[in-house]
């Protein structure tokens, strides 16, 4: 009977060892790690004072710092006055200002708007951002809404002398896990 207990104990120890080895060597689901790249002005200057319709150069892109590909979506959060957004993020094109999510490049990588979010799209990778790779800019210009009136601007200065644009970035690894959030001060 004593030999049976020893064999059971040895079998359980071997099973535990094999289980530990399998979980160590097996695939692991590392959480997506996204880094914001090229935020605001290049030399750390304060954001310029803009008049309605004026733009400033500013860009924001993201780099995947995890070991696996991930899907990425972002939400641009801007202050509003009387229901109108104060700032707009987008791109200056020869045809004028184009809001983020409305500008596609021939490279097959771009951002597209769907509901309240902008989604990273990549036709070569099935919309996954590969490890170590960087997205194209989410935007390259920030503009003061041309529809903001003088009264709203005065009220806005009284509320907060420094208006900012925030970006809520969410990443999901190659599985279908939950979105992981990061807030970025972007302008």
N, C-alpha and C. Protein backbone atom coordinates (compact mmCIF):
# COMPACT_ATOMS: atom_id res chain seq x y z
N UNK A 1 0.80 -1.19 0.00
CA UNK A 1 0.00 0.00 0.00
C UNK A 1 0.85 1.27 0.00
N UNK A 2 2.00 1.14 0.71
CA UNK A 2 2.89 2.28 0.80
C UNK A 2 3.46 2.63 -0.58
N UNK A 3 3.77 1.66 -1.38
CA UNK A 3 4.30 1.89 -2.72
C UNK A 3 3.28 2.62 -3.59
N UNK A 4 2.01 2.33 -3.44
CA UNK A 4 0.93 2.98 -4.20
C UNK A 4 0.86 4.47 -3.90
N UNK A 5 1.05 4.85 -2.64
CA UNK A 5 1.02 6.27 -2.28
C UNK A 5 2.22 7.00 -2.89
N UNK A 6 3.39 6.33 -2.86
CA UNK A 6 4.59 6.94 -3.44
C UNK A 6 4.42 7.11 -4.95
N UNK A 7 3.87 6.11 -5.59
CA UNK A 7 3.65 6.21 -7.05
C UNK A 7 2.66 7.31 -7.39
N UNK A 8 1.61 7.44 -6.58
CA UNK A 8 0.62 8.50 -6.79
C UNK A 8 1.28 9.86 -6.61
N UNK A 9 2.09 10.02 -5.57
CA UNK A 9 2.76 11.28 -5.30
C UNK A 9 3.73 11.63 -6.45
N UNK A 10 4.48 10.64 -6.93
CA UNK A 10 5.42 10.87 -8.03
C UNK A 10 4.66 11.23 -9.30
N UNK A 11 3.55 10.54 -9.56
CA UNK A 11 2.74 10.82 -10.76
C UNK A 11 2.17 12.23 -10.70
N UNK A 12 1.68 12.66 -9.52
CA UNK A 12 1.16 14.02 -9.37
C UNK A 12 2.25 15.06 -9.55
N UNK A 13 3.45 14.79 -9.01
CA UNK A 13 4.57 15.72 -9.16
C UNK A 13 4.97 15.85 -10.64
N UNK A 14 5.02 14.73 -11.34
CA UNK A 14 5.34 14.76 -12.76
C UNK A 14 4.28 15.50 -13.56
N UNK A 15 3.03 15.28 -13.23
CA UNK A 15 1.92 15.96 -13.90
C UNK A 15 2.01 17.46 -13.69
N UNK A 16 2.30 17.87 -12.44
CA UNK A 16 2.43 19.30 -12.14
C UNK A 16 3.61 19.90 -12.90
N UNK A 17 4.72 19.16 -12.99
CA UNK A 17 5.88 19.64 -13.73
C UNK A 17 5.59 19.80 -15.21
N UNK A 18 4.93 18.82 -15.80
CA UNK A 18 4.57 18.88 -17.22
C UNK A 18 3.60 20.02 -17.46
N UNK A 19 2.63 20.19 -16.58
CA UNK A 19 1.65 21.28 -16.70
C UNK A 19 2.36 22.63 -16.67
N UNK A 20 3.29 22.80 -15.73
CA UNK A 20 4.04 24.06 -15.63
C UNK A 20 4.88 24.30 -16.87
N UNK A 21 5.51 23.27 -17.39
CA UNK A 21 6.33 23.40 -18.58
C UNK A 21 5.48 23.77 -19.79
N UNK A 22 4.32 23.14 -19.92
CA UNK A 22 3.43 23.43 -21.05
C UNK A 22 2.93 24.87 -20.98
N UNK A 23 2.58 25.34 -19.80
CA UNK A 23 2.07 26.71 -19.71
C UNK A 23 3.19 27.71 -19.94
N UNK A 24 4.44 27.37 -19.63
CA UNK A 24 5.56 28.26 -19.87
C UNK A 24 5.91 28.30 -21.35
N UNK A 25 5.94 27.15 -22.00
CA UNK A 25 6.33 27.09 -23.40
C UNK A 25 5.19 27.34 -24.36
N UNK A 26 3.98 27.20 -23.91
CA UNK A 26 2.82 27.36 -24.78
C UNK A 26 2.59 28.81 -25.16
N UNK A 27 1.67 29.06 -26.09
CA UNK A 27 1.41 30.43 -26.49
C UNK A 27 0.81 31.21 -25.34
N UNK A 28 1.26 32.45 -25.20
CA UNK A 28 0.71 33.28 -24.14
C UNK A 28 0.00 34.47 -24.76
N UNK A 29 -1.00 34.95 -24.10
CA UNK A 29 -1.75 36.10 -24.55
C UNK A 29 -1.22 37.32 -23.82
N UNK A 30 -0.24 37.98 -24.40
CA UNK A 30 0.29 39.19 -23.81
C UNK A 30 -0.67 40.33 -24.12
N UNK A 31 -0.96 41.18 -23.15
CA UNK A 31 -1.86 42.30 -23.45
C UNK A 31 -1.23 43.22 -24.48
N UNK A 32 -2.06 43.80 -25.31
CA UNK A 32 -1.58 44.73 -26.32
C UNK A 32 -0.94 45.93 -25.63
N UNK A 33 0.18 46.40 -26.16
CA UNK A 33 0.88 47.56 -25.62
C UNK A 33 1.05 48.57 -26.74
N UNK A 34 0.35 49.68 -26.64
CA UNK A 34 0.35 50.69 -27.68
C UNK A 34 1.03 51.95 -27.16
N UNK A 35 1.91 52.53 -27.97
CA UNK A 35 2.60 53.76 -27.61
C UNK A 35 2.15 54.86 -28.56
N UNK A 36 1.81 56.03 -28.00
CA UNK A 36 1.49 57.19 -28.83
C UNK A 36 2.79 57.79 -29.35
N UNK A 37 2.82 58.15 -30.63
CA UNK A 37 4.03 58.66 -31.27
C UNK A 37 3.74 60.00 -31.92
N UNK A 38 4.68 60.95 -31.81
CA UNK A 38 4.63 62.24 -32.51
C UNK A 38 3.41 63.06 -32.10
N UNK A 39 3.30 63.31 -30.82
CA UNK A 39 2.17 64.09 -30.31
C UNK A 39 2.54 65.56 -30.30
N UNK A 40 1.65 66.41 -30.82
CA UNK A 40 1.82 67.85 -30.71
C UNK A 40 2.98 68.38 -31.52
N UNK A 41 3.47 69.55 -31.10
CA UNK A 41 4.56 70.19 -31.81
C UNK A 41 5.87 69.47 -31.53
N UNK A 42 6.83 69.64 -32.42
CA UNK A 42 8.08 68.89 -32.34
C UNK A 42 8.96 69.29 -31.16
N UNK A 43 8.98 70.57 -30.80
CA UNK A 43 9.92 71.01 -29.78
C UNK A 43 9.26 71.35 -28.44
N UNK A 44 8.06 70.84 -28.20
CA UNK A 44 7.41 71.02 -26.91
C UNK A 44 6.81 72.39 -26.71
N UNK A 45 6.64 73.17 -27.78
CA UNK A 45 6.04 74.49 -27.65
C UNK A 45 4.59 74.36 -27.20
N UNK A 46 4.07 75.43 -26.62
CA UNK A 46 2.66 75.45 -26.25
C UNK A 46 1.82 75.47 -27.52
N UNK A 47 0.61 74.95 -27.42
CA UNK A 47 -0.29 74.94 -28.56
C UNK A 47 -0.60 76.38 -28.96
N UNK A 48 -0.63 76.65 -30.26
CA UNK A 48 -0.87 78.03 -30.70
C UNK A 48 -2.32 78.45 -30.48
N UNK A 49 -2.53 79.75 -30.46
CA UNK A 49 -3.88 80.30 -30.37
C UNK A 49 -4.40 80.38 -31.81
N UNK A 50 -5.54 79.77 -32.04
CA UNK A 50 -6.10 79.72 -33.38
C UNK A 50 -7.37 80.56 -33.48
N UNK A 51 -7.65 81.05 -34.67
CA UNK A 51 -8.93 81.70 -34.96
C UNK A 51 -9.80 80.69 -35.70
N UNK A 52 -11.12 80.86 -35.69
CA UNK A 52 -11.99 79.89 -36.37
C UNK A 52 -11.54 79.61 -37.80
N UNK A 53 -11.41 78.31 -38.13
CA UNK A 53 -10.99 77.88 -39.45
C UNK A 53 -9.49 77.72 -39.61
N UNK A 54 -8.69 78.23 -38.66
CA UNK A 54 -7.24 78.10 -38.76
C UNK A 54 -6.78 76.73 -38.28
N UNK A 55 -5.68 76.25 -38.87
CA UNK A 55 -5.11 74.94 -38.54
C UNK A 55 -3.71 75.10 -37.97
N UNK A 56 -3.29 74.09 -37.26
CA UNK A 56 -1.90 73.97 -36.85
C UNK A 56 -1.43 72.56 -37.15
N UNK A 57 -0.15 72.45 -37.45
CA UNK A 57 0.40 71.12 -37.68
C UNK A 57 0.51 70.36 -36.36
N UNK A 58 0.04 69.18 -36.35
CA UNK A 58 0.10 68.31 -35.19
C UNK A 58 -0.21 66.92 -35.70
N UNK A 59 0.50 65.93 -35.20
CA UNK A 59 0.20 64.59 -35.69
C UNK A 59 0.23 63.60 -34.54
N UNK A 60 -0.45 62.49 -34.76
CA UNK A 60 -0.50 61.43 -33.76
C UNK A 60 -0.60 60.10 -34.48
N UNK A 61 0.31 59.21 -34.13
CA UNK A 61 0.25 57.85 -34.64
C UNK A 61 0.54 56.92 -33.48
N UNK A 62 0.45 55.62 -33.71
CA UNK A 62 0.60 54.64 -32.64
C UNK A 62 1.55 53.54 -33.07
N UNK A 63 2.32 53.02 -32.11
CA UNK A 63 3.26 51.92 -32.36
C UNK A 63 2.87 50.75 -31.47
N UNK A 64 2.85 49.55 -32.05
CA UNK A 64 2.55 48.34 -31.30
C UNK A 64 3.83 47.86 -30.63
N UNK A 65 3.87 47.89 -29.30
CA UNK A 65 5.05 47.47 -28.56
C UNK A 65 4.92 46.06 -27.98
N UNK A 66 3.86 45.36 -28.32
CA UNK A 66 3.69 44.00 -27.80
C UNK A 66 4.32 43.00 -28.78
N UNK A 67 4.28 41.75 -28.41
CA UNK A 67 4.88 40.70 -29.23
C UNK A 67 3.90 40.09 -30.22
N UNK A 68 2.67 40.53 -30.19
CA UNK A 68 1.65 40.01 -31.10
C UNK A 68 0.95 41.17 -31.80
N UNK A 69 0.31 40.88 -32.93
CA UNK A 69 -0.46 41.89 -33.63
C UNK A 69 -1.68 42.28 -32.81
N UNK A 70 -2.22 43.46 -33.08
CA UNK A 70 -3.41 43.89 -32.36
C UNK A 70 -4.28 44.73 -33.27
N UNK A 71 -5.54 44.79 -32.92
CA UNK A 71 -6.47 45.69 -33.58
C UNK A 71 -6.48 46.98 -32.75
N UNK A 72 -6.74 48.09 -33.40
CA UNK A 72 -6.66 49.38 -32.73
C UNK A 72 -7.83 50.24 -33.14
N UNK A 73 -8.44 50.88 -32.14
CA UNK A 73 -9.46 51.88 -32.43
C UNK A 73 -9.23 53.05 -31.49
N UNK A 74 -9.62 54.24 -31.93
CA UNK A 74 -9.44 55.43 -31.12
C UNK A 74 -10.69 56.29 -31.18
N UNK A 75 -10.83 57.08 -30.15
CA UNK A 75 -11.92 58.05 -30.10
C UNK A 75 -11.29 59.40 -29.79
N UNK A 76 -11.53 60.37 -30.66
CA UNK A 76 -11.01 61.71 -30.47
C UNK A 76 -12.04 62.49 -29.65
N UNK A 77 -11.61 62.98 -28.49
CA UNK A 77 -12.50 63.70 -27.57
C UNK A 77 -12.11 65.17 -27.58
N UNK A 78 -13.05 66.02 -27.95
CA UNK A 78 -12.78 67.45 -28.04
C UNK A 78 -13.76 68.22 -27.17
N UNK A 79 -13.34 69.39 -26.68
CA UNK A 79 -14.28 70.23 -25.93
C UNK A 79 -15.35 70.75 -26.88
N UNK A 80 -16.51 71.04 -26.34
CA UNK A 80 -17.57 71.60 -27.17
C UNK A 80 -18.21 72.78 -26.46
N UNK A 81 -18.75 73.68 -27.26
CA UNK A 81 -19.48 74.85 -26.76
C UNK A 81 -20.79 74.88 -27.51
N UNK A 82 -21.87 74.94 -26.76
CA UNK A 82 -23.22 74.98 -27.33
C UNK A 82 -23.45 73.84 -28.32
N UNK A 83 -22.93 72.66 -27.98
CA UNK A 83 -23.13 71.47 -28.80
C UNK A 83 -22.22 71.36 -30.01
N UNK A 84 -21.37 72.35 -30.25
CA UNK A 84 -20.46 72.32 -31.39
C UNK A 84 -19.05 71.95 -30.91
N UNK A 85 -18.37 71.04 -31.62
CA UNK A 85 -16.98 70.74 -31.24
C UNK A 85 -16.10 71.96 -31.49
N UNK A 86 -15.19 72.23 -30.58
CA UNK A 86 -14.31 73.39 -30.71
C UNK A 86 -13.15 73.08 -31.65
N UNK A 87 -12.54 71.92 -31.47
CA UNK A 87 -11.40 71.52 -32.30
C UNK A 87 -11.78 70.36 -33.21
N UNK A 88 -11.12 70.29 -34.35
CA UNK A 88 -11.33 69.19 -35.29
C UNK A 88 -9.96 68.62 -35.65
N UNK A 89 -9.84 67.31 -35.65
CA UNK A 89 -8.59 66.65 -36.04
C UNK A 89 -8.76 66.09 -37.43
N UNK A 90 -7.75 66.26 -38.28
CA UNK A 90 -7.85 65.76 -39.64
C UNK A 90 -6.56 65.97 -40.42
N UNK A 91 -6.71 66.20 -41.71
CA UNK A 91 -5.58 66.35 -42.61
C UNK A 91 -5.82 67.53 -43.55
N UNK A 92 -4.77 68.31 -43.82
CA UNK A 92 -4.84 69.35 -44.84
C UNK A 92 -4.48 68.70 -46.17
N UNK A 93 -5.37 68.81 -47.11
CA UNK A 93 -5.14 68.26 -48.46
C UNK A 93 -5.22 69.42 -49.45
N UNK A 94 -4.82 69.19 -50.69
CA UNK A 94 -4.96 70.28 -51.68
C UNK A 94 -6.41 70.76 -51.81
N UNK A 95 -7.37 69.89 -51.51
CA UNK A 95 -8.77 70.27 -51.58
C UNK A 95 -9.30 70.91 -50.30
N UNK A 96 -8.48 71.02 -49.26
CA UNK A 96 -8.90 71.61 -48.00
C UNK A 96 -8.78 70.62 -46.85
N UNK A 97 -9.42 70.96 -45.76
CA UNK A 97 -9.36 70.15 -44.55
C UNK A 97 -10.28 68.94 -44.66
N UNK A 98 -9.74 67.75 -44.33
CA UNK A 98 -10.53 66.51 -44.33
C UNK A 98 -10.45 65.93 -42.92
N UNK A 99 -11.59 65.66 -42.31
CA UNK A 99 -11.62 65.11 -40.96
C UNK A 99 -10.98 63.73 -40.90
N UNK A 100 -10.44 63.39 -39.74
CA UNK A 100 -9.85 62.06 -39.54
C UNK A 100 -10.88 60.99 -39.87
N UNK A 101 -10.43 59.94 -40.50
CA UNK A 101 -11.32 58.85 -40.89
C UNK A 101 -11.90 59.04 -42.27
N UNK A 102 -11.67 60.19 -42.88
CA UNK A 102 -12.19 60.44 -44.22
C UNK A 102 -11.08 60.55 -45.25
N UNK A 103 -9.87 60.19 -44.87
CA UNK A 103 -8.70 60.34 -45.72
C UNK A 103 -8.04 58.98 -45.86
N UNK A 104 -7.98 58.43 -47.07
CA UNK A 104 -7.34 57.13 -47.26
C UNK A 104 -6.12 57.29 -48.17
N UNK A 105 -5.13 56.46 -47.92
CA UNK A 105 -3.92 56.48 -48.73
C UNK A 105 -3.88 55.25 -49.61
N UNK A 106 -3.08 55.31 -50.67
CA UNK A 106 -2.96 54.19 -51.59
C UNK A 106 -2.20 53.02 -51.00
N UNK A 107 -1.57 53.20 -49.84
CA UNK A 107 -0.72 52.16 -49.25
C UNK A 107 -1.52 50.98 -48.69
N UNK A 108 -2.83 51.14 -48.54
CA UNK A 108 -3.64 50.07 -47.96
C UNK A 108 -3.75 50.18 -46.45
N UNK A 109 -3.08 51.17 -45.86
CA UNK A 109 -3.17 51.44 -44.43
C UNK A 109 -3.85 52.79 -44.24
N UNK A 110 -4.87 52.83 -43.40
CA UNK A 110 -5.59 54.08 -43.20
C UNK A 110 -6.48 53.96 -41.96
N UNK A 111 -7.12 55.05 -41.61
CA UNK A 111 -8.09 55.10 -40.51
C UNK A 111 -9.47 55.32 -41.11
N UNK A 112 -10.47 54.63 -40.60
CA UNK A 112 -11.83 54.81 -41.08
C UNK A 112 -12.76 55.08 -39.90
N UNK A 113 -13.72 55.96 -40.12
CA UNK A 113 -14.68 56.32 -39.07
C UNK A 113 -15.84 55.34 -39.08
N UNK A 114 -16.20 54.89 -37.87
CA UNK A 114 -17.37 54.02 -37.70
C UNK A 114 -17.96 54.35 -36.34
N UNK A 115 -19.10 55.00 -36.33
CA UNK A 115 -19.70 55.43 -35.06
C UNK A 115 -18.81 56.49 -34.41
N UNK A 116 -18.58 56.34 -33.13
CA UNK A 116 -17.77 57.31 -32.38
C UNK A 116 -16.27 57.02 -32.47
N UNK A 117 -15.89 55.95 -33.16
CA UNK A 117 -14.49 55.53 -33.19
C UNK A 117 -13.89 55.63 -34.59
N UNK A 118 -12.56 55.71 -34.61
CA UNK A 118 -11.77 55.59 -35.83
C UNK A 118 -11.01 54.28 -35.72
N UNK A 119 -11.09 53.44 -36.73
CA UNK A 119 -10.49 52.11 -36.71
C UNK A 119 -9.29 52.06 -37.65
N UNK A 120 -8.21 51.44 -37.17
CA UNK A 120 -7.03 51.21 -38.01
C UNK A 120 -7.35 50.10 -39.00
N UNK A 121 -7.09 50.36 -40.26
CA UNK A 121 -7.33 49.38 -41.33
C UNK A 121 -6.03 49.10 -42.06
N UNK A 122 -5.81 47.83 -42.38
CA UNK A 122 -4.63 47.42 -43.12
C UNK A 122 -5.03 46.23 -43.98
N UNK A 123 -5.08 46.43 -45.29
CA UNK A 123 -5.56 45.38 -46.19
C UNK A 123 -4.59 44.19 -46.25
N UNK A 124 -3.30 44.39 -45.95
CA UNK A 124 -2.33 43.30 -46.03
C UNK A 124 -2.31 42.43 -44.77
N UNK A 125 -2.73 42.96 -43.62
CA UNK A 125 -2.62 42.21 -42.36
C UNK A 125 -3.97 41.88 -41.74
N UNK A 126 -5.04 42.08 -42.47
CA UNK A 126 -6.36 41.79 -41.91
C UNK A 126 -6.72 42.76 -40.79
N UNK A 127 -6.28 44.01 -40.90
CA UNK A 127 -6.56 45.09 -39.94
C UNK A 127 -5.81 44.94 -38.62
N UNK A 128 -4.80 44.08 -38.56
CA UNK A 128 -3.96 43.97 -37.37
C UNK A 128 -2.75 44.87 -37.54
N UNK A 129 -2.34 45.53 -36.46
CA UNK A 129 -1.10 46.30 -36.43
C UNK A 129 -0.01 45.34 -35.97
N UNK A 130 0.95 45.00 -36.86
CA UNK A 130 1.99 44.03 -36.50
C UNK A 130 2.88 44.53 -35.37
N UNK A 131 3.52 43.62 -34.64
CA UNK A 131 4.43 44.01 -33.56
C UNK A 131 5.54 44.92 -34.07
N UNK A 132 5.82 46.00 -33.33
CA UNK A 132 6.89 46.92 -33.67
C UNK A 132 6.56 47.91 -34.77
N UNK A 133 5.40 47.79 -35.39
CA UNK A 133 5.03 48.67 -36.50
C UNK A 133 4.25 49.88 -36.01
N UNK A 134 4.26 50.93 -36.82
CA UNK A 134 3.58 52.19 -36.49
C UNK A 134 2.46 52.45 -37.49
N UNK A 135 1.36 53.00 -37.01
CA UNK A 135 0.24 53.34 -37.88
C UNK A 135 0.56 54.60 -38.68
N UNK A 136 -0.18 54.82 -39.77
CA UNK A 136 -0.10 56.14 -40.40
C UNK A 136 -0.71 57.15 -39.42
N UNK A 137 -0.42 58.44 -39.59
CA UNK A 137 -0.98 59.41 -38.65
C UNK A 137 -2.50 59.37 -38.60
N UNK A 138 -3.02 59.43 -37.39
CA UNK A 138 -4.46 59.55 -37.19
C UNK A 138 -4.93 60.90 -37.73
N UNK A 139 -4.12 61.91 -37.50
CA UNK A 139 -4.34 63.24 -38.07
C UNK A 139 -3.00 63.92 -38.22
N UNK A 140 -2.96 64.93 -39.09
CA UNK A 140 -1.74 65.71 -39.28
C UNK A 140 -1.98 67.20 -39.05
N UNK A 141 -3.22 67.55 -38.77
CA UNK A 141 -3.56 68.95 -38.51
C UNK A 141 -4.73 69.02 -37.52
N UNK A 142 -4.73 70.07 -36.72
CA UNK A 142 -5.85 70.35 -35.82
C UNK A 142 -6.36 71.74 -36.18
N UNK A 143 -7.67 71.84 -36.30
CA UNK A 143 -8.27 73.10 -36.73
C UNK A 143 -9.31 73.54 -35.72
N UNK A 144 -9.41 74.85 -35.54
CA UNK A 144 -10.48 75.42 -34.73
C UNK A 144 -11.72 75.46 -35.62
N UNK A 145 -12.81 74.89 -35.13
CA UNK A 145 -14.05 74.78 -35.89
C UNK A 145 -14.42 76.13 -36.49
N UNK A 146 -14.59 76.19 -37.82
CA UNK A 146 -14.93 77.47 -38.45
C UNK A 146 -16.33 77.97 -38.11
N UNK A 147 -17.18 77.11 -37.55
CA UNK A 147 -18.55 77.51 -37.21
C UNK A 147 -18.68 78.09 -35.81
N UNK A 148 -17.59 78.12 -35.04
CA UNK A 148 -17.64 78.67 -33.69
C UNK A 148 -17.74 80.19 -33.78
N UNK A 149 -18.76 80.75 -33.14
CA UNK A 149 -18.96 82.20 -33.15
C UNK A 149 -18.14 82.90 -32.08
N UNK A 150 -18.07 84.23 -32.19
CA UNK A 150 -17.28 85.03 -31.25
C UNK A 150 -17.80 84.89 -29.82
N UNK A 151 -19.11 84.84 -29.62
CA UNK A 151 -19.66 84.70 -28.26
C UNK A 151 -19.25 83.36 -27.65
N UNK A 152 -19.28 82.32 -28.45
CA UNK A 152 -18.88 81.00 -27.95
C UNK A 152 -17.39 80.98 -27.63
N UNK A 153 -16.58 81.66 -28.44
CA UNK A 153 -15.14 81.72 -28.16
C UNK A 153 -14.87 82.47 -26.86
N UNK A 154 -15.59 83.55 -26.63
CA UNK A 154 -15.43 84.29 -25.38
C UNK A 154 -15.82 83.43 -24.19
N UNK A 155 -16.95 82.71 -24.30
CA UNK A 155 -17.37 81.81 -23.23
C UNK A 155 -16.35 80.71 -23.02
N UNK A 156 -15.78 80.22 -24.09
CA UNK A 156 -14.78 79.16 -24.02
C UNK A 156 -13.53 79.65 -23.29
N UNK A 157 -13.09 80.87 -23.57
CA UNK A 157 -11.91 81.42 -22.87
C UNK A 157 -12.19 81.56 -21.38
N UNK A 158 -13.43 81.93 -21.04
CA UNK A 158 -13.79 82.07 -19.62
C UNK A 158 -13.82 80.72 -18.92
N UNK A 159 -14.26 79.68 -19.63
CA UNK A 159 -14.35 78.34 -19.03
C UNK A 159 -12.96 77.76 -18.84
N UNK A 160 -12.15 77.80 -19.87
CA UNK A 160 -10.82 77.20 -19.79
C UNK A 160 -9.89 77.89 -20.78
N UNK A 161 -8.85 78.54 -20.30
CA UNK A 161 -7.94 79.22 -21.22
C UNK A 161 -7.12 78.25 -22.07
N UNK A 162 -7.02 77.00 -21.67
CA UNK A 162 -6.23 76.02 -22.43
C UNK A 162 -7.13 74.88 -22.88
N UNK A 163 -7.50 74.89 -24.15
CA UNK A 163 -8.35 73.83 -24.68
C UNK A 163 -7.46 72.72 -25.23
N UNK A 164 -7.86 71.49 -24.99
CA UNK A 164 -7.06 70.37 -25.46
C UNK A 164 -7.93 69.34 -26.16
N UNK A 165 -7.27 68.58 -26.97
CA UNK A 165 -7.87 67.46 -27.67
C UNK A 165 -7.33 66.21 -26.99
N UNK A 166 -8.20 65.28 -26.64
CA UNK A 166 -7.78 64.02 -26.01
C UNK A 166 -8.13 62.86 -26.94
N UNK A 167 -7.33 61.84 -26.88
CA UNK A 167 -7.58 60.65 -27.70
C UNK A 167 -7.65 59.45 -26.77
N UNK A 168 -8.74 58.73 -26.84
CA UNK A 168 -8.91 57.49 -26.10
C UNK A 168 -8.52 56.37 -27.06
N UNK A 169 -7.38 55.73 -26.81
CA UNK A 169 -6.90 54.65 -27.68
C UNK A 169 -7.25 53.32 -27.03
N UNK A 170 -7.77 52.40 -27.82
CA UNK A 170 -8.11 51.07 -27.33
C UNK A 170 -7.50 50.03 -28.26
N UNK A 171 -6.85 49.04 -27.67
CA UNK A 171 -6.22 47.97 -28.44
C UNK A 171 -6.77 46.63 -27.98
N UNK A 172 -6.80 45.70 -28.91
CA UNK A 172 -7.22 44.33 -28.61
C UNK A 172 -6.24 43.40 -29.30
N UNK A 173 -5.74 42.40 -28.57
CA UNK A 173 -4.76 41.50 -29.16
C UNK A 173 -5.41 40.63 -30.22
N UNK A 174 -4.65 39.71 -30.79
CA UNK A 174 -5.14 38.91 -31.92
C UNK A 174 -6.36 38.07 -31.59
N UNK A 175 -6.58 37.79 -30.31
CA UNK A 175 -7.81 37.11 -29.91
C UNK A 175 -8.96 38.10 -29.91
N UNK A 176 -10.04 37.71 -29.40
CA UNK A 176 -11.20 38.60 -29.33
C UNK A 176 -11.43 39.06 -27.89
N UNK A 177 -10.38 39.36 -27.17
CA UNK A 177 -10.48 39.80 -25.78
C UNK A 177 -11.05 41.20 -25.68
N UNK A 178 -11.09 41.73 -24.46
CA UNK A 178 -11.65 43.07 -24.26
C UNK A 178 -10.70 44.15 -24.78
N UNK A 179 -11.26 45.31 -25.11
CA UNK A 179 -10.46 46.45 -25.52
C UNK A 179 -9.75 46.99 -24.29
N UNK A 180 -8.45 47.30 -24.42
CA UNK A 180 -7.67 47.89 -23.34
C UNK A 180 -7.47 49.37 -23.65
N UNK A 181 -7.71 50.24 -22.67
CA UNK A 181 -7.74 51.68 -22.93
C UNK A 181 -6.49 52.41 -22.46
N UNK A 182 -6.18 53.49 -23.20
CA UNK A 182 -5.15 54.45 -22.85
C UNK A 182 -5.65 55.82 -23.27
N UNK A 183 -5.50 56.83 -22.40
CA UNK A 183 -5.89 58.21 -22.75
C UNK A 183 -4.63 58.97 -23.07
N UNK A 184 -4.65 59.69 -24.21
CA UNK A 184 -3.50 60.45 -24.68
C UNK A 184 -3.87 61.92 -24.76
N UNK A 185 -3.08 62.81 -24.11
CA UNK A 185 -3.23 64.25 -24.33
C UNK A 185 -2.62 64.52 -25.70
N UNK A 186 -3.42 64.95 -26.64
CA UNK A 186 -2.93 64.98 -28.00
C UNK A 186 -2.70 66.38 -28.58
N UNK A 187 -3.23 67.45 -28.00
CA UNK A 187 -3.00 68.79 -28.55
C UNK A 187 -3.05 69.76 -27.41
